[in-house]
Amino acid sequence: MLFLAALTVTLLDRDLGEIVVVPLGRPSAKTVANVKQALRATYKLRIVDGRPMALPTDTYYKPRARYRADRLLVHLDRIDGGRVIGVTDRDISTTHRGRKDWGIMGLAWLNRRPCVVSSFRAKSGVGRAAVHEIGHTLGLDHCPIAGCLMQDAKGSGKIAKNEKGLCRECRSRLQPYLR
């Protein structure tokens, strides 16, 4: 019973009106600035600089020299604040459609706090990937509408190249958070 009360107090204390940007490893200042600029241009949420974090050794997948994004989310979920986005320039991966090590631009837990993006695949589109992943933390799943920023890239890099932004339906669902 005390555990549930403590959990409730902890969850109530978290500020969901902010996005904490956490450099993972040593991403370039330009990459981090790109992410923050894209988030500020899209969302009303406060953008807060998080303390840089070394890439946890338990997230490294040696056979492909990648970091497991799902494990990075576990580490990022421990950081205080509202939503948390880890930003790295290293290659990240997850298990996808039976492939144990599928390279990705980003990953988020749907309707939960943490997400992670990487400029390794997204390059200069890492800011758009960040907007996409924060959309997941705000409850949006992948969108079936072609050209929407929330569309599943399916390994194509569409998100990083997207110039259209969110479709009308996704904008409507995220309206309280959008500029």
N, C-alpha and C. Protein backbone atom coordinates (compact mmCIF):
# COMPACT_ATOMS: atom_id res chain seq x y z
N MET A 1 0.83 -1.19 0.00
CA MET A 1 0.00 0.00 0.00
C MET A 1 0.87 1.26 0.00
N LEU A 2 1.92 1.26 0.84
CA LEU A 2 2.82 2.41 0.87
C LEU A 2 3.54 2.59 -0.46
N PHE A 3 3.88 1.46 -1.11
CA PHE A 3 4.55 1.51 -2.40
C PHE A 3 3.68 2.24 -3.41
N LEU A 4 2.38 1.92 -3.46
CA LEU A 4 1.48 2.56 -4.41
C LEU A 4 1.36 4.06 -4.13
N ALA A 5 1.30 4.42 -2.85
CA ALA A 5 1.22 5.84 -2.49
C ALA A 5 2.49 6.57 -2.93
N ALA A 6 3.64 5.97 -2.73
CA ALA A 6 4.91 6.58 -3.13
C ALA A 6 4.98 6.71 -4.65
N LEU A 7 4.52 5.69 -5.37
CA LEU A 7 4.52 5.72 -6.82
C LEU A 7 3.61 6.84 -7.32
N THR A 8 2.45 6.98 -6.72
CA THR A 8 1.52 8.03 -7.11
C THR A 8 2.12 9.41 -6.90
N VAL A 9 2.74 9.63 -5.76
CA VAL A 9 3.37 10.92 -5.47
C VAL A 9 4.48 11.19 -6.47
N THR A 10 5.29 10.19 -6.78
CA THR A 10 6.38 10.35 -7.74
C THR A 10 5.84 10.74 -9.10
N LEU A 11 4.80 10.07 -9.57
CA LEU A 11 4.24 10.37 -10.87
C LEU A 11 3.63 11.77 -10.90
N LEU A 12 2.99 12.18 -9.82
CA LEU A 12 2.39 13.50 -9.76
C LEU A 12 3.44 14.60 -9.75
N ASP A 13 4.62 14.31 -9.21
CA ASP A 13 5.69 15.30 -9.13
C ASP A 13 6.34 15.57 -10.49
N ARG A 14 6.22 14.66 -11.42
CA ARG A 14 6.87 14.83 -12.72
C ARG A 14 6.17 15.92 -13.52
N ASP A 15 6.97 16.82 -14.09
CA ASP A 15 6.43 17.91 -14.90
C ASP A 15 6.33 17.43 -16.34
N LEU A 16 5.11 17.25 -16.81
CA LEU A 16 4.93 16.78 -18.18
C LEU A 16 4.84 17.93 -19.17
N GLY A 17 5.13 19.16 -18.69
CA GLY A 17 5.10 20.32 -19.55
C GLY A 17 6.47 20.68 -20.10
N GLU A 18 7.41 19.75 -20.04
CA GLU A 18 8.76 20.04 -20.52
C GLU A 18 9.32 18.83 -21.26
N ILE A 19 10.31 19.13 -22.09
CA ILE A 19 11.08 18.09 -22.76
C ILE A 19 12.53 18.29 -22.34
N VAL A 20 13.09 17.28 -21.69
CA VAL A 20 14.49 17.33 -21.26
C VAL A 20 15.33 16.72 -22.38
N VAL A 21 16.26 17.49 -22.92
CA VAL A 21 17.13 17.04 -24.02
C VAL A 21 18.45 16.59 -23.41
N VAL A 22 18.75 15.29 -23.57
CA VAL A 22 19.93 14.69 -22.94
C VAL A 22 20.91 14.21 -24.02
N PRO A 23 22.07 14.86 -24.15
CA PRO A 23 23.08 14.36 -25.06
C PRO A 23 23.59 12.99 -24.57
N LEU A 24 23.59 12.00 -25.46
CA LEU A 24 24.09 10.65 -25.15
C LEU A 24 25.41 10.46 -25.87
N GLY A 25 26.46 10.17 -25.14
CA GLY A 25 27.78 10.10 -25.75
C GLY A 25 28.24 11.51 -26.03
N ARG A 26 28.72 11.74 -27.24
CA ARG A 26 29.22 13.07 -27.60
C ARG A 26 28.65 13.54 -28.95
N PRO A 27 27.34 13.74 -29.02
CA PRO A 27 26.80 14.26 -30.28
C PRO A 27 27.31 15.68 -30.50
N SER A 28 27.38 16.10 -31.74
CA SER A 28 27.87 17.46 -32.02
C SER A 28 26.90 18.49 -31.46
N ALA A 29 27.42 19.66 -31.17
CA ALA A 29 26.58 20.76 -30.69
C ALA A 29 25.53 21.10 -31.75
N LYS A 30 25.89 20.97 -33.02
CA LYS A 30 24.96 21.24 -34.13
C LYS A 30 23.79 20.26 -34.10
N THR A 31 24.06 18.99 -33.84
CA THR A 31 23.00 17.98 -33.77
C THR A 31 22.03 18.30 -32.64
N VAL A 32 22.56 18.60 -31.46
CA VAL A 32 21.71 18.91 -30.31
C VAL A 32 20.90 20.18 -30.58
N ALA A 33 21.54 21.19 -31.17
CA ALA A 33 20.85 22.44 -31.49
C ALA A 33 19.73 22.20 -32.51
N ASN A 34 19.98 21.35 -33.49
CA ASN A 34 18.99 21.00 -34.51
C ASN A 34 17.76 20.38 -33.85
N VAL A 35 17.98 19.46 -32.92
CA VAL A 35 16.87 18.81 -32.20
C VAL A 35 16.09 19.84 -31.40
N LYS A 36 16.78 20.67 -30.64
CA LYS A 36 16.11 21.66 -29.79
C LYS A 36 15.33 22.67 -30.64
N GLN A 37 15.90 23.10 -31.75
CA GLN A 37 15.24 24.05 -32.62
C GLN A 37 13.94 23.45 -33.20
N ALA A 38 14.00 22.21 -33.66
CA ALA A 38 12.81 21.56 -34.23
C ALA A 38 11.73 21.38 -33.17
N LEU A 39 12.13 21.00 -31.96
CA LEU A 39 11.15 20.81 -30.88
C LEU A 39 10.51 22.15 -30.49
N ARG A 40 11.32 23.20 -30.38
CA ARG A 40 10.79 24.53 -30.03
C ARG A 40 9.84 25.06 -31.10
N ALA A 41 10.17 24.80 -32.36
CA ALA A 41 9.34 25.28 -33.47
C ALA A 41 8.00 24.55 -33.54
N THR A 42 7.93 23.35 -32.98
CA THR A 42 6.73 22.52 -33.10
C THR A 42 5.87 22.50 -31.84
N TYR A 43 6.50 22.34 -30.70
CA TYR A 43 5.77 22.11 -29.44
C TYR A 43 5.83 23.32 -28.51
N LYS A 44 4.77 23.51 -27.74
CA LYS A 44 4.70 24.56 -26.71
C LYS A 44 5.45 24.16 -25.44
N LEU A 45 5.80 22.91 -25.31
CA LEU A 45 6.47 22.42 -24.11
C LEU A 45 7.83 23.12 -23.93
N ARG A 46 8.21 23.35 -22.69
CA ARG A 46 9.53 23.94 -22.40
C ARG A 46 10.63 22.97 -22.82
N ILE A 47 11.67 23.48 -23.41
CA ILE A 47 12.83 22.66 -23.79
C ILE A 47 13.91 22.93 -22.75
N VAL A 48 14.33 21.88 -22.06
CA VAL A 48 15.28 21.98 -20.96
C VAL A 48 16.54 21.19 -21.30
N ASP A 49 17.70 21.78 -21.03
CA ASP A 49 18.96 21.06 -21.24
C ASP A 49 19.17 20.06 -20.11
N GLY A 50 19.27 18.79 -20.47
CA GLY A 50 19.59 17.75 -19.50
C GLY A 50 21.09 17.58 -19.40
N ARG A 51 21.52 16.93 -18.34
CA ARG A 51 22.95 16.68 -18.16
C ARG A 51 23.40 15.61 -19.15
N PRO A 52 24.50 15.85 -19.87
CA PRO A 52 25.02 14.84 -20.79
C PRO A 52 25.25 13.50 -20.08
N MET A 53 25.03 12.42 -20.81
CA MET A 53 25.14 11.09 -20.24
C MET A 53 26.01 10.23 -21.16
N ALA A 54 26.93 9.50 -20.57
CA ALA A 54 27.72 8.54 -21.36
C ALA A 54 26.78 7.46 -21.87
N LEU A 55 27.09 6.92 -23.04
CA LEU A 55 26.28 5.81 -23.54
C LEU A 55 26.52 4.60 -22.63
N PRO A 56 25.46 4.08 -22.00
CA PRO A 56 25.64 2.96 -21.07
C PRO A 56 26.21 1.72 -21.78
N THR A 57 27.19 1.12 -21.16
CA THR A 57 27.86 -0.04 -21.78
C THR A 57 26.91 -1.22 -21.97
N ASP A 58 25.88 -1.34 -21.12
CA ASP A 58 24.96 -2.47 -21.26
C ASP A 58 24.01 -2.30 -22.45
N THR A 59 24.07 -1.17 -23.15
CA THR A 59 23.21 -0.97 -24.32
C THR A 59 23.95 -1.28 -25.63
N TYR A 60 25.25 -1.55 -25.54
CA TYR A 60 26.06 -1.77 -26.74
C TYR A 60 25.87 -3.18 -27.27
N TYR A 61 25.61 -3.29 -28.58
CA TYR A 61 25.46 -4.57 -29.26
C TYR A 61 26.69 -4.76 -30.16
N LYS A 62 27.65 -5.50 -29.65
CA LYS A 62 28.97 -5.62 -30.28
C LYS A 62 28.95 -6.20 -31.70
N PRO A 63 28.13 -7.24 -32.00
CA PRO A 63 28.19 -7.81 -33.36
C PRO A 63 27.94 -6.79 -34.48
N ARG A 64 27.16 -5.75 -34.21
CA ARG A 64 26.88 -4.75 -35.25
C ARG A 64 27.39 -3.36 -34.88
N ALA A 65 28.08 -3.25 -33.75
CA ALA A 65 28.62 -1.96 -33.27
C ALA A 65 27.52 -0.90 -33.18
N ARG A 66 26.40 -1.31 -32.57
CA ARG A 66 25.26 -0.41 -32.40
C ARG A 66 24.84 -0.38 -30.94
N TYR A 67 24.05 0.62 -30.61
CA TYR A 67 23.48 0.72 -29.27
C TYR A 67 21.99 0.38 -29.34
N ARG A 68 21.54 -0.46 -28.42
CA ARG A 68 20.15 -0.91 -28.40
C ARG A 68 19.26 0.22 -27.87
N ALA A 69 18.40 0.73 -28.73
CA ALA A 69 17.55 1.86 -28.37
C ALA A 69 16.57 1.51 -27.25
N ASP A 70 16.05 0.29 -27.25
CA ASP A 70 15.11 -0.11 -26.20
C ASP A 70 15.77 -0.06 -24.83
N ARG A 71 17.03 -0.44 -24.75
CA ARG A 71 17.75 -0.37 -23.47
C ARG A 71 18.09 1.08 -23.10
N LEU A 72 18.37 1.90 -24.11
CA LEU A 72 18.62 3.32 -23.84
C LEU A 72 17.38 3.96 -23.21
N LEU A 73 16.19 3.56 -23.66
CA LEU A 73 14.95 4.11 -23.09
C LEU A 73 14.83 3.80 -21.60
N VAL A 74 15.27 2.62 -21.20
CA VAL A 74 15.23 2.26 -19.77
C VAL A 74 16.08 3.24 -18.97
N HIS A 75 17.26 3.54 -19.46
CA HIS A 75 18.15 4.49 -18.77
C HIS A 75 17.56 5.90 -18.78
N LEU A 76 17.02 6.33 -19.90
CA LEU A 76 16.45 7.67 -20.01
C LEU A 76 15.22 7.85 -19.13
N ASP A 77 14.49 6.77 -18.90
CA ASP A 77 13.28 6.84 -18.07
C ASP A 77 13.61 7.16 -16.62
N ARG A 78 14.85 7.00 -16.22
CA ARG A 78 15.27 7.28 -14.83
C ARG A 78 15.55 8.77 -14.59
N ILE A 79 15.58 9.55 -15.64
CA ILE A 79 15.91 10.98 -15.52
C ILE A 79 14.65 11.73 -15.09
N ASP A 80 14.83 12.63 -14.13
CA ASP A 80 13.70 13.44 -13.66
C ASP A 80 13.28 14.45 -14.71
N GLY A 81 12.02 14.83 -14.65
CA GLY A 81 11.48 15.84 -15.55
C GLY A 81 10.28 15.30 -16.29
N GLY A 82 9.90 16.02 -17.32
CA GLY A 82 8.75 15.62 -18.13
C GLY A 82 9.17 14.57 -19.14
N ARG A 83 8.93 14.84 -20.40
CA ARG A 83 9.39 13.92 -21.43
C ARG A 83 10.90 14.07 -21.56
N VAL A 84 11.56 12.98 -21.93
CA VAL A 84 13.03 12.97 -22.02
C VAL A 84 13.41 12.44 -23.39
N ILE A 85 14.27 13.19 -24.08
CA ILE A 85 14.76 12.72 -25.38
C ILE A 85 16.28 12.64 -25.34
N GLY A 86 16.79 11.44 -25.58
CA GLY A 86 18.22 11.24 -25.69
C GLY A 86 18.63 11.53 -27.13
N VAL A 87 19.75 12.22 -27.30
CA VAL A 87 20.25 12.59 -28.63
C VAL A 87 21.66 12.06 -28.77
N THR A 88 21.88 11.26 -29.81
CA THR A 88 23.21 10.69 -30.04
C THR A 88 23.57 10.75 -31.52
N ASP A 89 24.85 10.57 -31.80
CA ASP A 89 25.31 10.47 -33.18
C ASP A 89 25.72 9.04 -33.50
N ARG A 90 25.53 8.14 -32.55
CA ARG A 90 25.90 6.74 -32.74
C ARG A 90 24.75 5.96 -33.36
N ASP A 91 25.07 4.85 -34.00
CA ASP A 91 24.06 4.00 -34.62
C ASP A 91 23.24 3.31 -33.53
N ILE A 92 21.91 3.33 -33.67
CA ILE A 92 21.02 2.69 -32.70
C ILE A 92 20.14 1.67 -33.41
N SER A 93 19.63 0.70 -32.65
CA SER A 93 18.83 -0.36 -33.26
C SER A 93 17.80 -0.89 -32.28
N THR A 94 16.89 -1.69 -32.83
CA THR A 94 15.89 -2.39 -32.03
C THR A 94 15.52 -3.67 -32.77
N THR A 95 14.74 -4.52 -32.14
CA THR A 95 14.21 -5.71 -32.80
C THR A 95 12.96 -5.29 -33.56
N HIS A 96 12.89 -5.66 -34.84
CA HIS A 96 11.77 -5.23 -35.68
C HIS A 96 11.43 -6.32 -36.68
N ARG A 97 10.18 -6.76 -36.64
CA ARG A 97 9.69 -7.78 -37.59
C ARG A 97 10.63 -8.98 -37.71
N GLY A 98 11.02 -9.49 -36.55
CA GLY A 98 11.86 -10.68 -36.52
C GLY A 98 13.35 -10.44 -36.68
N ARG A 99 13.74 -9.23 -37.04
CA ARG A 99 15.17 -8.91 -37.14
C ARG A 99 15.65 -8.41 -35.80
N LYS A 100 16.62 -9.09 -35.25
CA LYS A 100 17.11 -8.76 -33.91
C LYS A 100 17.75 -7.38 -33.84
N ASP A 101 18.37 -6.95 -34.91
CA ASP A 101 19.15 -5.72 -34.85
C ASP A 101 18.85 -4.83 -36.05
N TRP A 102 17.70 -4.16 -36.02
CA TRP A 102 17.24 -3.31 -37.10
C TRP A 102 17.69 -1.88 -36.82
N GLY A 103 18.50 -1.31 -37.69
CA GLY A 103 18.98 0.06 -37.50
C GLY A 103 17.85 1.07 -37.65
N ILE A 104 17.79 2.04 -36.75
CA ILE A 104 16.69 3.00 -36.72
C ILE A 104 17.20 4.43 -36.50
N MET A 105 16.31 5.40 -36.76
CA MET A 105 16.62 6.82 -36.50
C MET A 105 16.20 7.22 -35.10
N GLY A 106 15.20 6.53 -34.56
CA GLY A 106 14.70 6.88 -33.23
C GLY A 106 13.73 5.84 -32.72
N LEU A 107 13.44 5.94 -31.42
CA LEU A 107 12.50 5.01 -30.78
C LEU A 107 11.87 5.71 -29.59
N ALA A 108 10.60 5.42 -29.35
CA ALA A 108 9.88 5.96 -28.19
C ALA A 108 8.93 4.91 -27.65
N TRP A 109 8.61 5.05 -26.39
CA TRP A 109 7.53 4.26 -25.80
C TRP A 109 6.26 5.06 -25.97
N LEU A 110 5.25 4.46 -26.57
CA LEU A 110 3.99 5.15 -26.83
C LEU A 110 3.35 5.63 -25.54
N ASN A 111 3.04 6.92 -25.50
CA ASN A 111 2.36 7.56 -24.37
C ASN A 111 3.13 7.44 -23.06
N ARG A 112 4.45 7.38 -23.16
CA ARG A 112 5.31 7.38 -21.98
C ARG A 112 6.40 8.42 -22.18
N ARG A 113 7.23 8.63 -21.19
CA ARG A 113 8.17 9.75 -21.19
C ARG A 113 9.37 9.66 -22.12
N PRO A 114 10.09 8.55 -22.16
CA PRO A 114 11.38 8.60 -22.87
C PRO A 114 11.31 8.30 -24.36
N CYS A 115 12.27 8.91 -25.07
CA CYS A 115 12.51 8.56 -26.46
C CYS A 115 13.97 8.86 -26.77
N VAL A 116 14.44 8.36 -27.90
CA VAL A 116 15.83 8.57 -28.29
C VAL A 116 15.87 8.77 -29.80
N VAL A 117 16.77 9.64 -30.26
CA VAL A 117 17.01 9.85 -31.68
C VAL A 117 18.51 9.82 -31.95
N SER A 118 18.84 9.48 -33.20
CA SER A 118 20.24 9.42 -33.59
C SER A 118 20.43 10.12 -34.93
N SER A 119 21.48 10.89 -35.04
CA SER A 119 21.82 11.54 -36.31
C SER A 119 22.59 10.60 -37.24
N PHE A 120 22.91 9.39 -36.77
CA PHE A 120 23.70 8.46 -37.57
C PHE A 120 23.00 8.17 -38.90
N ARG A 121 21.70 7.92 -38.87
CA ARG A 121 20.91 7.67 -40.08
C ARG A 121 20.14 8.91 -40.51
N ALA A 122 19.63 9.66 -39.53
CA ALA A 122 18.77 10.81 -39.83
C ALA A 122 19.54 12.00 -40.39
N LYS A 123 20.84 12.07 -40.08
CA LYS A 123 21.70 13.18 -40.53
C LYS A 123 21.08 14.52 -40.13
N SER A 124 20.92 15.44 -41.10
CA SER A 124 20.38 16.77 -40.78
C SER A 124 18.88 16.72 -40.47
N GLY A 125 18.23 15.60 -40.73
CA GLY A 125 16.81 15.43 -40.42
C GLY A 125 16.55 14.96 -39.01
N VAL A 126 17.57 14.97 -38.16
CA VAL A 126 17.41 14.48 -36.78
C VAL A 126 16.37 15.29 -36.01
N GLY A 127 16.21 16.57 -36.34
CA GLY A 127 15.19 17.39 -35.69
C GLY A 127 13.79 16.89 -36.00
N ARG A 128 13.55 16.53 -37.26
CA ARG A 128 12.24 15.98 -37.64
C ARG A 128 12.01 14.62 -36.98
N ALA A 129 13.07 13.83 -36.87
CA ALA A 129 12.95 12.55 -36.16
C ALA A 129 12.58 12.79 -34.70
N ALA A 130 13.13 13.84 -34.10
CA ALA A 130 12.82 14.17 -32.70
C ALA A 130 11.36 14.57 -32.54
N VAL A 131 10.84 15.37 -33.46
CA VAL A 131 9.43 15.76 -33.42
C VAL A 131 8.55 14.52 -33.52
N HIS A 132 8.91 13.59 -34.41
CA HIS A 132 8.19 12.33 -34.59
C HIS A 132 8.18 11.52 -33.28
N GLU A 133 9.35 11.33 -32.68
CA GLU A 133 9.43 10.51 -31.47
C GLU A 133 8.70 11.16 -30.29
N ILE A 134 8.79 12.48 -30.14
CA ILE A 134 8.04 13.15 -29.07
C ILE A 134 6.54 12.98 -29.33
N GLY A 135 6.13 12.97 -30.59
CA GLY A 135 4.72 12.69 -30.92
C GLY A 135 4.27 11.36 -30.34
N HIS A 136 5.14 10.35 -30.42
CA HIS A 136 4.81 9.05 -29.81
C HIS A 136 4.66 9.18 -28.30
N THR A 137 5.54 9.94 -27.65
CA THR A 137 5.44 10.08 -26.19
C THR A 137 4.16 10.79 -25.80
N LEU A 138 3.60 11.57 -26.71
CA LEU A 138 2.34 12.28 -26.46
C LEU A 138 1.12 11.46 -26.86
N GLY A 139 1.34 10.20 -27.27
CA GLY A 139 0.23 9.29 -27.52
C GLY A 139 -0.08 8.99 -28.97
N LEU A 140 0.63 9.59 -29.92
CA LEU A 140 0.37 9.31 -31.34
C LEU A 140 1.10 8.05 -31.78
N ASP A 141 0.37 7.16 -32.43
CA ASP A 141 0.99 5.99 -33.05
C ASP A 141 1.38 6.39 -34.47
N HIS A 142 1.90 5.45 -35.26
CA HIS A 142 2.22 5.76 -36.65
C HIS A 142 0.94 6.06 -37.42
N CYS A 143 1.03 6.99 -38.33
CA CYS A 143 -0.11 7.46 -39.11
C CYS A 143 -0.11 6.79 -40.49
N PRO A 144 -1.29 6.38 -40.98
CA PRO A 144 -1.35 5.75 -42.30
C PRO A 144 -1.34 6.75 -43.46
N ILE A 145 -1.44 8.04 -43.18
CA ILE A 145 -1.54 9.05 -44.24
C ILE A 145 -0.15 9.34 -44.83
N ALA A 146 -0.04 9.12 -46.13
CA ALA A 146 1.23 9.35 -46.83
C ALA A 146 1.67 10.80 -46.67
N GLY A 147 2.93 10.98 -46.33
CA GLY A 147 3.49 12.31 -46.19
C GLY A 147 3.43 12.89 -44.79
N CYS A 148 2.67 12.26 -43.89
CA CYS A 148 2.59 12.76 -42.51
C CYS A 148 3.89 12.46 -41.78
N LEU A 149 4.33 13.38 -40.95
CA LEU A 149 5.55 13.19 -40.18
C LEU A 149 5.46 11.99 -39.24
N MET A 150 4.25 11.58 -38.87
CA MET A 150 4.07 10.44 -37.97
C MET A 150 3.96 9.12 -38.73
N GLN A 151 4.12 9.13 -40.04
CA GLN A 151 4.11 7.90 -40.83
C GLN A 151 5.33 7.05 -40.48
N ASP A 152 5.16 5.72 -40.47
CA ASP A 152 6.27 4.81 -40.20
C ASP A 152 7.25 4.88 -41.38
N ALA A 153 8.50 5.15 -41.09
CA ALA A 153 9.52 5.26 -42.15
C ALA A 153 9.86 3.91 -42.75
N LYS A 154 9.66 2.83 -42.02
CA LYS A 154 9.95 1.46 -42.48
C LYS A 154 11.36 1.34 -43.06
N GLY A 155 12.29 2.03 -42.42
CA GLY A 155 13.69 1.93 -42.84
C GLY A 155 14.06 2.81 -44.02
N SER A 156 13.12 3.60 -44.51
CA SER A 156 13.38 4.39 -45.72
C SER A 156 14.01 5.76 -45.46
N GLY A 157 13.92 6.25 -44.25
CA GLY A 157 14.42 7.58 -43.96
C GLY A 157 13.42 8.68 -44.28
N LYS A 158 12.16 8.32 -44.57
CA LYS A 158 11.13 9.31 -44.92
C LYS A 158 10.98 10.40 -43.87
N ILE A 159 11.04 10.03 -42.62
CA ILE A 159 10.82 11.01 -41.55
C ILE A 159 11.86 12.11 -41.62
N ALA A 160 13.11 11.74 -41.77
CA ALA A 160 14.19 12.72 -41.80
C ALA A 160 14.08 13.65 -43.01
N LYS A 161 13.43 13.19 -44.08
CA LYS A 161 13.30 13.99 -45.30
C LYS A 161 11.97 14.73 -45.37
N ASN A 162 11.06 14.48 -44.43
CA ASN A 162 9.71 15.04 -44.46
C ASN A 162 9.74 16.57 -44.40
N GLU A 163 9.10 17.20 -45.35
CA GLU A 163 8.99 18.67 -45.36
C GLU A 163 7.56 19.12 -45.08
N LYS A 164 6.59 18.19 -45.12
CA LYS A 164 5.17 18.55 -44.99
C LYS A 164 4.72 18.70 -43.54
N GLY A 165 5.37 18.01 -42.63
CA GLY A 165 4.95 18.06 -41.23
C GLY A 165 3.83 17.10 -40.93
N LEU A 166 3.03 17.44 -39.94
CA LEU A 166 1.95 16.58 -39.49
C LEU A 166 0.70 16.76 -40.35
N CYS A 167 -0.03 15.67 -40.57
CA CYS A 167 -1.29 15.75 -41.30
C CYS A 167 -2.35 16.42 -40.40
N ARG A 168 -3.49 16.73 -40.97
CA ARG A 168 -4.57 17.40 -40.23
C ARG A 168 -5.01 16.59 -39.02
N GLU A 169 -5.16 15.28 -39.17
CA GLU A 169 -5.62 14.43 -38.06
C GLU A 169 -4.61 14.42 -36.91
N CYS A 170 -3.34 14.25 -37.22
CA CYS A 170 -2.31 14.24 -36.17
C CYS A 170 -2.19 15.61 -35.51
N ARG A 171 -2.28 16.68 -36.30
CA ARG A 171 -2.25 18.03 -35.71
C ARG A 171 -3.42 18.21 -34.75
N SER A 172 -4.57 17.72 -35.14
CA SER A 172 -5.76 17.84 -34.28
C SER A 172 -5.56 17.11 -32.95
N ARG A 173 -4.99 15.92 -33.02
CA ARG A 173 -4.79 15.13 -31.80
C ARG A 173 -3.72 15.73 -30.89
N LEU A 174 -2.76 16.42 -31.47
CA LEU A 174 -1.68 17.02 -30.68
C LEU A 174 -1.91 18.51 -30.38
N GLN A 175 -3.04 19.05 -30.80
CA GLN A 175 -3.28 20.49 -30.73
C GLN A 175 -2.90 21.15 -29.40
N PRO A 176 -3.22 20.56 -28.24
CA PRO A 176 -2.87 21.24 -26.99
C PRO A 176 -1.36 21.47 -26.81
N TYR A 177 -0.55 20.69 -27.51
CA TYR A 177 0.90 20.76 -27.35
C TYR A 177 1.59 21.56 -28.46
N LEU A 178 0.88 21.86 -29.54
CA LEU A 178 1.50 22.46 -30.72
C LEU A 178 1.48 23.98 -30.72
N ARG A 179 2.47 24.55 -31.37
CA ARG A 179 2.52 26.01 -31.58
C ARG A 179 1.59 26.35 -32.72
